[in-house]
């Protein structure tokens, strides 16, 4: 990444249950895997890279909220949905314990606590949270408020961002047409309201026209990207008063409709919009493509690398 001229990398701190998990069970962590994370952070420092570290996943990859709910059910909790991750007190205690274990971790290589390490640029509460069981957004909003306060109580220094995709919600009905589809407005997220939570320092969105608008013409995709990005950039500056980061963006070449030519046009569009806004005086937090792999890791490519 550093050799390609990049200076920030967003990556996972979590691996919940399953093969070579970091968190093998609630309150139990694999020291060998933790030391691998120590190495990642120390290597980032050596190469002058900053890290954005995500603390959980909305999706089942590497465990995520579904694994937390499975642990809860195994403990006898009466849970009916993976969305109970956001509301059940016991499940929330599992998450908080993991957050504390990570944030207060003493790196075995640098001998510095993660919470004191300037290599870490920001913490991310959860990758792409959605709570469709409560389209009002109240459940996820309460969770963000609670967890933002909790993270800041442990580490008041580092930046904190949520990790949401950026869908507009009930608090801004006039902006619902900006969403890629009607479902997005019922995903339980709310870009403006979520980012007004005390402790959230940085707005973030994702840009995936290929998965959000799969049946549209290619031209429609680039039109959407322009509108989607510009609206969020403007809202971050004018309504939220905070920098905005494109936490993920990309196009999968595994979809036959989107080859390398379209992906190049998509990438140029994202960078052009962001650079133009930055030159215009908007405070930008940067763009992070999804995703970058070294040679030999092709087996992990989901089509976006």
Foldseek 3Di string as FASTA:
>chain_A
DVVVVDAEDEDEPFQEDDDPGQHNAQPDGDVVVVLVVLVVLVVSVVSNHAYEYEQFEQDCVSHGLVNLVVNVVVVPDDDDDSLCCLPDPVSVVSSLSSLLCQQQPQRPVVRHGNLPDRSYQEYEHYAADFRLVALQLPSVLVSLLVVLVSNCVNRVDHAYAHNHQQAAEDVCVVCNVLALDNVSRRRSDHQLSSLQRPNHAEREHEQELCVSVVPDDLVVSLVSLLSNVVVVLCCCVPPVVHAYEHEEYFYFCVPVNAHPVSRVVNVVSNVVNQVVVVVVPRHYDYYQYPDDDDPPVVVPDPRGD
